[in-house]
C-alpha cells in the first residue's frame, strides 16, 4: 500500500460500522468502543455544522489519543535515532509527529464514505496483542488491517498498524532514517514543523501549535 493510502485506510477502519467478530477479548472491545464513539461524533447533527468544526475535530482528536499511543509510535518510528535525542528533543519530536498523525487522521475521518470493517479475531501475548480486522470497501474489496496494541494501566492502546502487511511504524522509520542519514536530525524536525505550519494555515483542528525553540 502506498504512503498516501495509509491514512485513508486507517481512517476507514476507525469509522467502519460494526461488523462480524470471530472472537473479541478486551483489546478488541476497547478498540470497538472508541470506534463507536467516533461514529457517534460524526453522526451528531449539532456537530456537523461548519460553526462546530473546531469542537468536532477536537473531540475526534481526543478519542484518537485514547486509541493510539502517539509517544510510543513516535519513539518506534524514530528507531535507533531516539537514543541520541535529549529529553527536550524527544518531547518536541513526539509533539510534532503526533500532531501530524492526528491532523492526517482527522482530515481523512471527515471524508469517510461508508467502508465497513469485520473484526477477524485477536491474539494476546502477555501485555501485547494484535487485533485483526478487514476493511470492506463499497466495491467489495477486502483490505487486511492489523492493530498492534499493548496494555498499560488496564488500557489497551495501539502502537503500530499493519495495512496489507505493511507496518505504519516501519514505513515512517524508513523515511525518517533516510532524511537523518542524508541530511540531519534537525532537517527532519524542520520538515515536520513545515508540515505543522501547513496545517495551521487550514481550519483549526483543536491542537495547540508547538512553538519553535
N, C-alpha and C. Protein backbone atom coordinates (compact mmCIF):
# COMPACT_ATOMS: atom_id res chain seq x y z
N UNK A 1 0.85 -1.20 0.00
CA UNK A 1 0.00 0.00 0.00
C UNK A 1 0.88 1.25 0.00
N UNK A 2 0.54 2.22 -0.82
CA UNK A 2 1.35 3.42 -0.91
C UNK A 2 1.19 4.28 0.31
N UNK A 3 2.18 5.19 0.53
CA UNK A 3 2.14 6.07 1.69
C UNK A 3 0.87 6.89 1.71
N UNK A 4 0.39 7.31 0.56
CA UNK A 4 -0.79 8.17 0.50
C UNK A 4 -2.03 7.44 1.00
N UNK A 5 -2.10 6.12 0.76
CA UNK A 5 -3.30 5.37 1.11
C UNK A 5 -3.33 4.94 2.56
N UNK A 6 -2.17 4.97 3.25
CA UNK A 6 -2.14 4.50 4.63
C UNK A 6 -3.11 5.26 5.53
N UNK A 7 -3.07 6.61 5.60
CA UNK A 7 -4.01 7.32 6.49
C UNK A 7 -5.46 7.08 6.13
N UNK A 8 -5.75 6.96 4.82
CA UNK A 8 -7.13 6.74 4.40
C UNK A 8 -7.63 5.39 4.88
N UNK A 9 -6.80 4.37 4.80
CA UNK A 9 -7.21 3.05 5.25
C UNK A 9 -7.40 3.02 6.76
N UNK A 10 -6.53 3.71 7.48
CA UNK A 10 -6.66 3.78 8.93
C UNK A 10 -7.96 4.47 9.32
N UNK A 11 -8.25 5.56 8.65
CA UNK A 11 -9.48 6.29 8.95
C UNK A 11 -10.69 5.43 8.66
N UNK A 12 -10.64 4.68 7.58
CA UNK A 12 -11.77 3.81 7.25
C UNK A 12 -12.00 2.79 8.34
N UNK A 13 -10.92 2.25 8.88
CA UNK A 13 -11.07 1.27 9.96
C UNK A 13 -11.67 1.91 11.21
N UNK A 14 -11.28 3.14 11.48
CA UNK A 14 -11.79 3.82 12.67
C UNK A 14 -13.25 4.20 12.55
N UNK A 15 -13.75 4.27 11.34
CA UNK A 15 -15.12 4.73 11.14
C UNK A 15 -16.08 3.64 10.72
N UNK A 16 -15.57 2.45 10.55
CA UNK A 16 -16.42 1.42 9.98
C UNK A 16 -17.57 1.05 10.90
N UNK A 17 -18.68 0.69 10.27
CA UNK A 17 -19.84 0.25 11.05
C UNK A 17 -19.52 -1.09 11.71
N UNK A 18 -20.21 -1.42 12.81
CA UNK A 18 -19.94 -2.69 13.48
C UNK A 18 -20.07 -3.86 12.51
N UNK A 19 -19.08 -4.77 12.55
CA UNK A 19 -19.08 -5.91 11.65
C UNK A 19 -19.03 -7.21 12.44
N UNK A 20 -18.72 -8.29 11.75
CA UNK A 20 -18.66 -9.59 12.41
C UNK A 20 -17.43 -9.69 13.28
N UNK A 21 -17.50 -10.53 14.30
CA UNK A 21 -16.37 -10.71 15.21
C UNK A 21 -16.21 -12.19 15.50
N UNK A 22 -15.03 -12.75 15.12
CA UNK A 22 -14.78 -14.16 15.38
C UNK A 22 -14.64 -14.40 16.87
N UNK A 23 -13.85 -13.58 17.53
CA UNK A 23 -13.69 -13.66 18.98
C UNK A 23 -13.18 -12.32 19.46
N UNK A 24 -13.78 -11.82 20.51
CA UNK A 24 -13.43 -10.47 20.95
C UNK A 24 -13.11 -10.46 22.44
N UNK A 25 -11.85 -10.21 22.78
CA UNK A 25 -11.44 -10.03 24.17
C UNK A 25 -11.30 -8.55 24.46
N UNK A 26 -10.69 -8.18 25.59
CA UNK A 26 -10.54 -6.78 25.97
C UNK A 26 -9.90 -5.87 24.92
N UNK A 27 -8.81 -6.29 24.23
CA UNK A 27 -8.23 -5.39 23.23
C UNK A 27 -9.23 -5.00 22.15
N UNK A 28 -9.92 -6.00 21.60
CA UNK A 28 -10.91 -5.73 20.55
C UNK A 28 -12.05 -4.88 21.08
N UNK A 29 -12.54 -5.20 22.26
CA UNK A 29 -13.68 -4.47 22.80
C UNK A 29 -13.34 -3.01 23.09
N UNK A 30 -12.15 -2.76 23.60
CA UNK A 30 -11.76 -1.37 23.86
C UNK A 30 -11.59 -0.60 22.56
N UNK A 31 -11.04 -1.26 21.54
CA UNK A 31 -10.89 -0.62 20.24
C UNK A 31 -12.26 -0.33 19.63
N UNK A 32 -13.15 -1.31 19.69
CA UNK A 32 -14.50 -1.15 19.14
C UNK A 32 -15.27 -0.03 19.85
N UNK A 33 -15.12 0.06 21.17
CA UNK A 33 -15.81 1.09 21.93
C UNK A 33 -15.42 2.49 21.46
N UNK A 34 -14.15 2.69 21.22
CA UNK A 34 -13.69 4.02 20.79
C UNK A 34 -14.11 4.31 19.36
N UNK A 35 -14.13 3.26 18.52
CA UNK A 35 -14.60 3.45 17.16
C UNK A 35 -16.08 3.86 17.17
N UNK A 36 -16.86 3.23 18.03
CA UNK A 36 -18.28 3.59 18.15
C UNK A 36 -18.44 5.05 18.57
N UNK A 37 -17.55 5.52 19.45
CA UNK A 37 -17.62 6.92 19.88
C UNK A 37 -17.30 7.87 18.73
N UNK A 38 -16.35 7.48 17.88
CA UNK A 38 -16.03 8.31 16.71
C UNK A 38 -17.25 8.43 15.81
N UNK A 39 -17.91 7.30 15.57
CA UNK A 39 -19.10 7.30 14.71
C UNK A 39 -20.18 8.21 15.28
N UNK A 40 -20.40 8.16 16.59
CA UNK A 40 -21.41 8.99 17.22
C UNK A 40 -21.11 10.47 17.05
N UNK A 41 -19.83 10.83 17.16
CA UNK A 41 -19.44 12.23 16.97
C UNK A 41 -19.78 12.68 15.56
N UNK A 42 -19.48 11.84 14.58
CA UNK A 42 -19.72 12.21 13.18
C UNK A 42 -21.21 12.24 12.84
N UNK A 43 -21.98 11.46 13.57
CA UNK A 43 -23.43 11.41 13.28
C UNK A 43 -24.22 12.43 14.09
N UNK A 44 -23.58 13.11 15.03
CA UNK A 44 -24.26 14.10 15.85
C UNK A 44 -24.62 15.31 14.99
N UNK A 45 -25.91 15.59 14.78
CA UNK A 45 -26.33 16.70 13.91
C UNK A 45 -25.72 18.04 14.30
N UNK A 46 -25.68 18.33 15.59
CA UNK A 46 -25.17 19.63 16.03
C UNK A 46 -23.71 19.82 15.67
N UNK A 47 -22.94 18.72 15.66
CA UNK A 47 -21.51 18.82 15.39
C UNK A 47 -21.19 18.82 13.89
N UNK A 48 -22.21 18.58 13.05
CA UNK A 48 -21.98 18.58 11.61
C UNK A 48 -21.91 20.00 11.04
N UNK A 49 -22.39 20.96 11.79
CA UNK A 49 -22.42 22.34 11.31
C UNK A 49 -21.00 22.89 11.19
N UNK A 50 -20.80 23.77 10.19
CA UNK A 50 -19.48 24.37 9.98
C UNK A 50 -19.00 25.12 11.21
N UNK A 51 -19.94 25.73 11.93
CA UNK A 51 -19.57 26.50 13.11
C UNK A 51 -19.01 25.61 14.22
N UNK A 52 -19.26 24.31 14.10
CA UNK A 52 -18.80 23.37 15.12
C UNK A 52 -17.57 22.58 14.67
N UNK A 53 -16.94 23.01 13.59
CA UNK A 53 -15.79 22.27 13.07
C UNK A 53 -14.68 22.11 14.11
N UNK A 54 -14.34 23.19 14.79
CA UNK A 54 -13.28 23.13 15.79
C UNK A 54 -13.63 22.17 16.91
N UNK A 55 -14.87 22.25 17.42
CA UNK A 55 -15.30 21.36 18.50
C UNK A 55 -15.31 19.91 18.04
N UNK A 56 -15.79 19.67 16.82
CA UNK A 56 -15.87 18.30 16.31
C UNK A 56 -14.47 17.69 16.18
N UNK A 57 -13.55 18.45 15.61
CA UNK A 57 -12.20 17.93 15.40
C UNK A 57 -11.46 17.75 16.72
N UNK A 58 -11.69 18.63 17.66
CA UNK A 58 -11.05 18.49 18.97
C UNK A 58 -11.53 17.21 19.66
N UNK A 59 -12.83 16.92 19.54
CA UNK A 59 -13.38 15.71 20.14
C UNK A 59 -12.80 14.46 19.46
N UNK A 60 -12.69 14.49 18.14
CA UNK A 60 -12.13 13.36 17.40
C UNK A 60 -10.68 13.12 17.79
N UNK A 61 -9.94 14.20 18.01
CA UNK A 61 -8.54 14.05 18.36
C UNK A 61 -8.39 13.51 19.77
N UNK A 62 -9.31 13.86 20.64
CA UNK A 62 -9.28 13.31 22.00
C UNK A 62 -9.47 11.80 21.96
N UNK A 63 -10.40 11.34 21.13
CA UNK A 63 -10.64 9.91 21.00
C UNK A 63 -9.44 9.22 20.35
N UNK A 64 -8.86 9.87 19.34
CA UNK A 64 -7.68 9.30 18.68
C UNK A 64 -6.55 9.10 19.69
N UNK A 65 -6.41 10.02 20.64
CA UNK A 65 -5.38 9.89 21.66
C UNK A 65 -5.66 8.74 22.61
N UNK A 66 -6.92 8.35 22.73
CA UNK A 66 -7.26 7.20 23.56
C UNK A 66 -7.01 5.90 22.82
N UNK A 67 -7.05 5.94 21.49
CA UNK A 67 -6.83 4.74 20.68
C UNK A 67 -5.33 4.51 20.46
N UNK A 68 -4.63 5.56 20.04
CA UNK A 68 -3.22 5.45 19.70
C UNK A 68 -2.33 6.00 20.80
N UNK A 69 -1.19 5.35 21.04
CA UNK A 69 -0.18 5.89 21.93
C UNK A 69 0.84 6.60 21.04
N UNK A 70 0.63 7.91 20.81
CA UNK A 70 1.47 8.64 19.88
C UNK A 70 2.92 8.75 20.35
N UNK A 71 3.13 8.75 21.67
CA UNK A 71 4.51 8.81 22.17
C UNK A 71 5.24 7.52 21.81
N UNK A 72 4.58 6.38 21.98
CA UNK A 72 5.19 5.10 21.65
C UNK A 72 5.41 4.98 20.15
N UNK A 73 4.44 5.41 19.37
CA UNK A 73 4.58 5.37 17.91
C UNK A 73 5.73 6.26 17.46
N UNK A 74 5.87 7.42 18.09
CA UNK A 74 6.95 8.35 17.73
C UNK A 74 8.31 7.73 18.03
N UNK A 75 8.47 7.14 19.21
CA UNK A 75 9.74 6.54 19.58
C UNK A 75 10.11 5.40 18.64
N UNK A 76 9.15 4.53 18.35
CA UNK A 76 9.42 3.40 17.46
C UNK A 76 9.70 3.86 16.03
N UNK A 77 9.04 4.94 15.60
CA UNK A 77 9.25 5.43 14.24
C UNK A 77 10.62 6.08 14.08
N UNK A 78 11.13 6.70 15.14
CA UNK A 78 12.46 7.31 15.06
C UNK A 78 13.55 6.25 15.17
N UNK A 79 13.21 5.09 15.72
CA UNK A 79 14.14 3.97 15.75
C UNK A 79 15.41 4.24 16.53
N UNK A 80 16.54 3.84 15.96
CA UNK A 80 17.83 3.96 16.65
C UNK A 80 18.22 5.40 16.94
N UNK A 81 17.62 6.35 16.24
CA UNK A 81 17.96 7.76 16.44
C UNK A 81 17.33 8.33 17.71
N UNK A 82 16.37 7.60 18.31
CA UNK A 82 15.73 8.06 19.53
C UNK A 82 16.74 8.16 20.67
N UNK A 83 17.62 7.20 20.78
CA UNK A 83 18.56 7.15 21.90
C UNK A 83 19.47 8.37 21.93
N UNK A 84 19.77 8.95 20.79
CA UNK A 84 20.69 10.09 20.74
C UNK A 84 20.00 11.42 21.05
N UNK A 85 18.70 11.40 21.22
CA UNK A 85 17.96 12.63 21.44
C UNK A 85 17.94 13.00 22.93
N UNK A 86 17.99 14.29 23.19
CA UNK A 86 17.88 14.78 24.56
C UNK A 86 16.41 14.78 24.98
N UNK A 87 16.11 14.84 26.28
CA UNK A 87 14.70 14.88 26.71
C UNK A 87 13.89 15.98 26.03
N UNK A 88 14.42 17.22 25.91
CA UNK A 88 13.64 18.25 25.21
C UNK A 88 13.42 17.91 23.74
N UNK A 89 14.43 17.30 23.09
CA UNK A 89 14.27 16.91 21.69
C UNK A 89 13.20 15.83 21.55
N UNK A 90 13.20 14.89 22.47
CA UNK A 90 12.19 13.82 22.42
C UNK A 90 10.79 14.40 22.60
N UNK A 91 10.64 15.30 23.54
CA UNK A 91 9.34 15.91 23.78
C UNK A 91 8.86 16.68 22.54
N UNK A 92 9.77 17.41 21.93
CA UNK A 92 9.42 18.17 20.73
C UNK A 92 9.03 17.24 19.59
N UNK A 93 9.80 16.16 19.40
CA UNK A 93 9.52 15.24 18.31
C UNK A 93 8.15 14.58 18.48
N UNK A 94 7.85 14.12 19.68
CA UNK A 94 6.55 13.49 19.94
C UNK A 94 5.41 14.47 19.65
N UNK A 95 5.60 15.72 20.05
CA UNK A 95 4.55 16.72 19.81
C UNK A 95 4.36 16.97 18.32
N UNK A 96 5.46 17.11 17.59
CA UNK A 96 5.39 17.39 16.15
C UNK A 96 4.82 16.22 15.37
N UNK A 97 5.36 15.02 15.61
CA UNK A 97 4.92 13.85 14.86
C UNK A 97 3.49 13.47 15.25
N UNK A 98 3.18 13.55 16.55
CA UNK A 98 1.82 13.26 16.99
C UNK A 98 0.82 14.20 16.36
N UNK A 99 1.19 15.48 16.26
CA UNK A 99 0.32 16.46 15.63
C UNK A 99 0.06 16.11 14.17
N UNK A 100 1.14 15.70 13.46
CA UNK A 100 1.00 15.32 12.06
C UNK A 100 0.06 14.13 11.90
N UNK A 101 0.24 13.11 12.73
CA UNK A 101 -0.61 11.93 12.64
C UNK A 101 -2.07 12.25 12.96
N UNK A 102 -2.28 13.01 14.03
CA UNK A 102 -3.64 13.35 14.42
C UNK A 102 -4.36 14.15 13.35
N UNK A 103 -3.70 15.17 12.82
CA UNK A 103 -4.34 16.00 11.79
C UNK A 103 -4.65 15.18 10.55
N UNK A 104 -3.73 14.28 10.18
CA UNK A 104 -3.95 13.45 9.00
C UNK A 104 -5.17 12.55 9.19
N UNK A 105 -5.26 11.91 10.35
CA UNK A 105 -6.38 11.02 10.60
C UNK A 105 -7.70 11.75 10.65
N UNK A 106 -7.74 12.90 11.34
CA UNK A 106 -8.98 13.65 11.46
C UNK A 106 -9.48 14.10 10.09
N UNK A 107 -8.57 14.56 9.25
CA UNK A 107 -8.98 15.02 7.92
C UNK A 107 -9.53 13.86 7.09
N UNK A 108 -8.91 12.68 7.21
CA UNK A 108 -9.40 11.52 6.47
C UNK A 108 -10.71 11.01 7.05
N UNK A 109 -10.82 11.02 8.38
CA UNK A 109 -12.04 10.57 9.03
C UNK A 109 -13.24 11.38 8.56
N UNK A 110 -13.05 12.68 8.40
CA UNK A 110 -14.16 13.54 8.00
C UNK A 110 -14.60 13.29 6.55
N UNK A 111 -13.79 12.59 5.78
CA UNK A 111 -14.16 12.28 4.40
C UNK A 111 -14.58 10.81 4.25
N UNK A 112 -14.89 10.18 5.36
CA UNK A 112 -15.32 8.78 5.36
C UNK A 112 -16.52 8.59 4.45
N UNK A 113 -16.51 7.49 3.67
CA UNK A 113 -17.58 7.31 2.68
C UNK A 113 -18.23 5.94 2.73
N UNK A 114 -18.33 5.35 3.92
CA UNK A 114 -19.16 4.16 4.06
C UNK A 114 -18.47 2.81 4.06
N UNK A 115 -17.15 2.76 4.23
CA UNK A 115 -16.49 1.47 4.32
C UNK A 115 -16.94 0.73 5.59
N UNK A 116 -16.88 -0.60 5.56
CA UNK A 116 -17.23 -1.39 6.74
C UNK A 116 -15.99 -2.15 7.21
N UNK A 117 -16.07 -2.63 8.45
CA UNK A 117 -14.96 -3.42 8.98
C UNK A 117 -15.49 -4.70 9.60
N UNK A 118 -14.75 -5.77 9.41
CA UNK A 118 -15.05 -7.04 10.06
C UNK A 118 -13.93 -7.32 11.04
N UNK A 119 -14.29 -7.62 12.28
CA UNK A 119 -13.28 -7.98 13.28
C UNK A 119 -12.99 -9.46 13.12
N UNK A 120 -11.74 -9.79 12.81
CA UNK A 120 -11.39 -11.16 12.43
C UNK A 120 -10.71 -11.93 13.55
N UNK A 121 -10.66 -11.38 14.76
CA UNK A 121 -10.06 -12.09 15.88
C UNK A 121 -8.89 -11.33 16.48
N UNK A 122 -8.36 -11.88 17.55
CA UNK A 122 -7.22 -11.23 18.20
C UNK A 122 -6.28 -12.28 18.76
N UNK A 123 -5.03 -11.90 18.91
CA UNK A 123 -4.02 -12.75 19.54
C UNK A 123 -3.41 -11.95 20.68
N UNK A 124 -3.40 -12.53 21.87
CA UNK A 124 -2.85 -11.86 23.05
C UNK A 124 -1.63 -12.62 23.54
N UNK A 125 -0.55 -11.89 23.78
CA UNK A 125 0.69 -12.47 24.30
C UNK A 125 1.17 -11.58 25.44
N UNK A 126 0.76 -11.90 26.67
CA UNK A 126 1.13 -11.09 27.82
C UNK A 126 0.48 -9.72 27.75
N UNK A 127 1.31 -8.67 27.74
CA UNK A 127 0.78 -7.31 27.70
C UNK A 127 0.73 -6.74 26.29
N UNK A 128 0.86 -7.60 25.28
CA UNK A 128 0.74 -7.16 23.89
C UNK A 128 -0.32 -7.99 23.17
N UNK A 129 -0.92 -7.38 22.16
CA UNK A 129 -1.97 -8.08 21.42
C UNK A 129 -2.02 -7.57 19.98
N UNK A 130 -2.57 -8.39 19.12
CA UNK A 130 -2.84 -7.99 17.73
C UNK A 130 -4.32 -8.20 17.47
N UNK A 131 -4.99 -7.14 17.08
CA UNK A 131 -6.41 -7.22 16.72
C UNK A 131 -6.48 -7.19 15.19
N UNK A 132 -7.01 -8.27 14.62
CA UNK A 132 -7.09 -8.38 13.17
C UNK A 132 -8.45 -7.89 12.67
N UNK A 133 -8.42 -7.04 11.67
CA UNK A 133 -9.66 -6.56 11.05
C UNK A 133 -9.51 -6.61 9.54
N UNK A 134 -10.63 -6.49 8.86
CA UNK A 134 -10.64 -6.38 7.40
C UNK A 134 -11.55 -5.22 7.02
N UNK A 135 -11.03 -4.26 6.30
CA UNK A 135 -11.86 -3.18 5.79
C UNK A 135 -12.52 -3.66 4.51
N UNK A 136 -13.83 -3.50 4.43
CA UNK A 136 -14.58 -3.92 3.25
C UNK A 136 -15.08 -2.68 2.53
N UNK A 137 -14.55 -2.44 1.34
CA UNK A 137 -14.92 -1.26 0.58
C UNK A 137 -16.30 -1.44 -0.04
N UNK A 138 -16.83 -0.35 -0.56
CA UNK A 138 -18.16 -0.42 -1.20
C UNK A 138 -18.14 -1.28 -2.46
N UNK A 139 -16.94 -1.50 -3.02
CA UNK A 139 -16.81 -2.36 -4.19
C UNK A 139 -16.66 -3.83 -3.80
N UNK A 140 -16.59 -4.10 -2.48
CA UNK A 140 -16.47 -5.47 -2.01
C UNK A 140 -15.05 -5.94 -1.79
N UNK A 141 -14.09 -5.08 -2.06
CA UNK A 141 -12.68 -5.44 -1.85
C UNK A 141 -12.37 -5.44 -0.36
N UNK A 142 -11.58 -6.42 0.09
CA UNK A 142 -11.20 -6.52 1.49
C UNK A 142 -9.74 -6.12 1.69
N UNK A 143 -9.49 -5.24 2.66
CA UNK A 143 -8.14 -4.79 2.97
C UNK A 143 -7.83 -5.20 4.40
N UNK A 144 -6.84 -6.10 4.61
CA UNK A 144 -6.50 -6.52 5.97
C UNK A 144 -5.78 -5.41 6.74
N UNK A 145 -6.26 -5.11 7.93
CA UNK A 145 -5.64 -4.11 8.80
C UNK A 145 -5.51 -4.72 10.19
N UNK A 146 -4.26 -4.86 10.64
CA UNK A 146 -4.00 -5.42 11.96
C UNK A 146 -3.48 -4.34 12.89
N UNK A 147 -4.10 -4.24 14.06
CA UNK A 147 -3.67 -3.26 15.07
C UNK A 147 -2.79 -3.97 16.10
N UNK A 148 -1.59 -3.48 16.29
CA UNK A 148 -0.72 -3.99 17.35
C UNK A 148 -0.91 -3.10 18.57
N UNK A 149 -1.23 -3.73 19.70
CA UNK A 149 -1.59 -2.98 20.90
C UNK A 149 -0.78 -3.45 22.09
N UNK A 150 -0.67 -2.60 23.11
CA UNK A 150 -0.07 -3.02 24.36
C UNK A 150 -0.93 -2.50 25.51
N UNK A 151 -0.81 -3.19 26.63
CA UNK A 151 -1.62 -2.84 27.80
C UNK A 151 -0.78 -2.08 28.81
N UNK A 152 -1.35 -0.99 29.29
CA UNK A 152 -0.70 -0.21 30.32
C UNK A 152 -1.78 0.41 31.20
N UNK A 153 -1.67 0.17 32.50
CA UNK A 153 -2.65 0.69 33.47
C UNK A 153 -4.07 0.26 33.12
N UNK A 154 -4.21 -0.97 32.66
CA UNK A 154 -5.53 -1.51 32.39
C UNK A 154 -6.14 -1.09 31.06
N UNK A 155 -5.40 -0.33 30.27
CA UNK A 155 -5.91 0.13 28.97
C UNK A 155 -5.08 -0.44 27.84
N UNK A 156 -5.76 -0.78 26.75
CA UNK A 156 -5.08 -1.26 25.55
C UNK A 156 -5.01 -0.12 24.55
N UNK A 157 -3.80 0.15 24.05
CA UNK A 157 -3.63 1.24 23.08
C UNK A 157 -2.78 0.76 21.91
N UNK A 158 -2.98 1.36 20.77
CA UNK A 158 -2.30 0.96 19.53
C UNK A 158 -0.92 1.60 19.45
N UNK A 159 0.09 0.77 19.12
CA UNK A 159 1.44 1.31 18.90
C UNK A 159 1.94 1.06 17.48
N UNK A 160 1.18 0.31 16.71
CA UNK A 160 1.53 0.12 15.30
C UNK A 160 0.31 -0.43 14.57
N UNK A 161 0.26 -0.20 13.27
CA UNK A 161 -0.82 -0.71 12.44
C UNK A 161 -0.21 -1.31 11.18
N UNK A 162 -0.61 -2.53 10.87
CA UNK A 162 -0.16 -3.19 9.65
C UNK A 162 -1.30 -3.18 8.64
N UNK A 163 -1.07 -2.57 7.50
CA UNK A 163 -2.07 -2.49 6.45
C UNK A 163 -1.56 -3.24 5.23
N UNK A 164 -2.26 -4.33 4.87
CA UNK A 164 -1.83 -5.20 3.79
C UNK A 164 -0.39 -5.66 4.00
N UNK A 165 -0.05 -5.94 5.26
CA UNK A 165 1.28 -6.44 5.58
C UNK A 165 2.35 -5.38 5.72
N UNK A 166 1.99 -4.11 5.57
CA UNK A 166 2.95 -3.02 5.67
C UNK A 166 2.77 -2.31 7.01
N UNK A 167 3.85 -2.22 7.78
CA UNK A 167 3.81 -1.59 9.10
C UNK A 167 3.89 -0.08 8.98
N UNK A 168 2.96 0.60 9.66
CA UNK A 168 2.97 2.07 9.67
C UNK A 168 4.27 2.58 10.28
N UNK A 169 4.67 1.98 11.42
CA UNK A 169 5.89 2.41 12.09
C UNK A 169 7.12 2.17 11.22
N UNK A 170 7.21 1.00 10.61
CA UNK A 170 8.36 0.69 9.76
C UNK A 170 8.42 1.63 8.57
N UNK A 171 7.24 1.99 8.04
CA UNK A 171 7.17 2.91 6.90
C UNK A 171 7.77 4.26 7.27
N UNK A 172 7.33 4.81 8.40
CA UNK A 172 7.86 6.10 8.83
C UNK A 172 9.33 6.00 9.25
N UNK A 173 9.71 4.89 9.89
CA UNK A 173 11.09 4.73 10.32
C UNK A 173 12.04 4.79 9.13
N UNK A 174 11.64 4.17 8.04
CA UNK A 174 12.46 4.21 6.83
C UNK A 174 12.60 5.63 6.30
N UNK A 175 11.48 6.36 6.27
CA UNK A 175 11.50 7.75 5.80
C UNK A 175 12.38 8.62 6.68
N UNK A 176 12.18 8.52 8.00
CA UNK A 176 12.92 9.37 8.94
C UNK A 176 14.42 9.05 8.90
N UNK A 177 14.76 7.77 8.85
CA UNK A 177 16.17 7.38 8.81
C UNK A 177 16.84 7.93 7.56
N UNK A 178 16.14 7.88 6.43
CA UNK A 178 16.72 8.38 5.17
C UNK A 178 17.02 9.87 5.26
N UNK A 179 16.11 10.62 5.86
CA UNK A 179 16.32 12.07 5.99
C UNK A 179 17.50 12.36 6.92
N UNK A 180 17.56 11.67 8.06
CA UNK A 180 18.63 11.92 9.03
C UNK A 180 19.99 11.53 8.46
N UNK A 181 20.06 10.38 7.80
CA UNK A 181 21.33 9.91 7.23
C UNK A 181 21.77 10.81 6.09
N UNK A 182 20.83 11.20 5.26
CA UNK A 182 21.16 12.04 4.12
C UNK A 182 21.48 13.47 4.54
N UNK A 183 20.82 13.97 5.55
CA UNK A 183 21.00 15.36 5.97
C UNK A 183 21.33 15.44 7.45
N UNK A 184 20.28 15.54 8.30
CA UNK A 184 20.49 15.62 9.75
C UNK A 184 19.16 15.46 10.47
N UNK A 185 19.23 15.23 11.76
CA UNK A 185 18.02 15.15 12.56
C UNK A 185 17.30 16.49 12.54
N UNK A 186 18.05 17.58 12.59
CA UNK A 186 17.42 18.89 12.59
C UNK A 186 16.64 19.14 11.31
N UNK A 187 17.12 18.58 10.20
CA UNK A 187 16.40 18.73 8.94
C UNK A 187 15.05 18.02 9.03
N UNK A 188 15.02 16.86 9.69
CA UNK A 188 13.75 16.15 9.89
C UNK A 188 12.79 17.01 10.71
N UNK A 189 13.29 17.61 11.79
CA UNK A 189 12.45 18.47 12.62
C UNK A 189 11.92 19.66 11.81
N UNK A 190 12.79 20.23 10.98
CA UNK A 190 12.39 21.36 10.14
C UNK A 190 11.24 20.96 9.22
N UNK A 191 11.34 19.76 8.64
CA UNK A 191 10.30 19.28 7.73
C UNK A 191 8.98 19.05 8.49
N UNK A 192 9.07 18.52 9.70
CA UNK A 192 7.86 18.29 10.49
C UNK A 192 7.21 19.62 10.88
N UNK A 193 8.03 20.61 11.19
CA UNK A 193 7.49 21.92 11.54
C UNK A 193 6.82 22.57 10.32
N UNK A 194 7.40 22.33 9.13
CA UNK A 194 6.79 22.86 7.92
C UNK A 194 5.42 22.24 7.70
N UNK A 195 5.31 20.93 7.99
CA UNK A 195 4.01 20.26 7.87
C UNK A 195 3.02 20.84 8.87
N UNK A 196 3.50 21.15 10.06
CA UNK A 196 2.63 21.74 11.07
C UNK A 196 2.15 23.11 10.64
N UNK A 197 3.04 23.89 10.04
CA UNK A 197 2.66 25.22 9.57
C UNK A 197 1.60 25.13 8.46
N UNK A 198 1.71 24.09 7.62
CA UNK A 198 0.71 23.88 6.57
C UNK A 198 -0.65 23.63 7.23
N UNK A 199 -0.64 22.81 8.29
CA UNK A 199 -1.89 22.52 8.99
C UNK A 199 -2.45 23.74 9.67
N UNK A 200 -1.56 24.59 10.19
CA UNK A 200 -2.01 25.80 10.88
C UNK A 200 -2.66 26.77 9.90
N UNK A 201 -2.33 26.63 8.62
CA UNK A 201 -2.90 27.51 7.61
C UNK A 201 -4.31 27.13 7.23
N UNK A 202 -4.71 25.89 7.60
CA UNK A 202 -6.09 25.47 7.33
C UNK A 202 -6.91 25.71 8.57
N UNK A 203 -8.13 25.15 8.61
CA UNK A 203 -9.00 25.35 9.76
C UNK A 203 -8.38 24.71 11.00
N UNK A 204 -8.61 25.32 12.14
CA UNK A 204 -8.09 24.80 13.39
C UNK A 204 -8.64 23.42 13.66
N UNK A 205 -7.75 22.47 14.12
CA UNK A 205 -8.18 21.11 14.40
C UNK A 205 -8.09 20.77 15.86
N UNK A 206 -7.98 21.77 16.72
CA UNK A 206 -8.10 21.50 18.14
C UNK A 206 -6.83 21.19 18.87
N UNK A 207 -5.66 21.38 18.26
CA UNK A 207 -4.42 21.09 18.96
C UNK A 207 -3.53 22.33 18.93
N UNK A 208 -2.89 22.60 20.03
CA UNK A 208 -2.04 23.79 20.11
C UNK A 208 -0.76 23.59 19.31
N UNK A 209 -0.33 24.61 18.62
CA UNK A 209 0.88 24.55 17.81
C UNK A 209 2.11 24.51 18.71
N UNK A 210 3.11 23.69 18.30
CA UNK A 210 4.38 23.63 19.02
C UNK A 210 5.27 24.77 18.56
N UNK A 211 5.65 25.62 19.48
CA UNK A 211 6.47 26.77 19.11
C UNK A 211 7.92 26.37 18.88
N UNK A 212 8.58 27.05 17.96
CA UNK A 212 9.99 26.79 17.69
C UNK A 212 10.82 27.26 18.89
N UNK A 213 11.95 26.55 19.15
CA UNK A 213 12.79 26.96 20.28
C UNK A 213 13.30 28.38 20.12
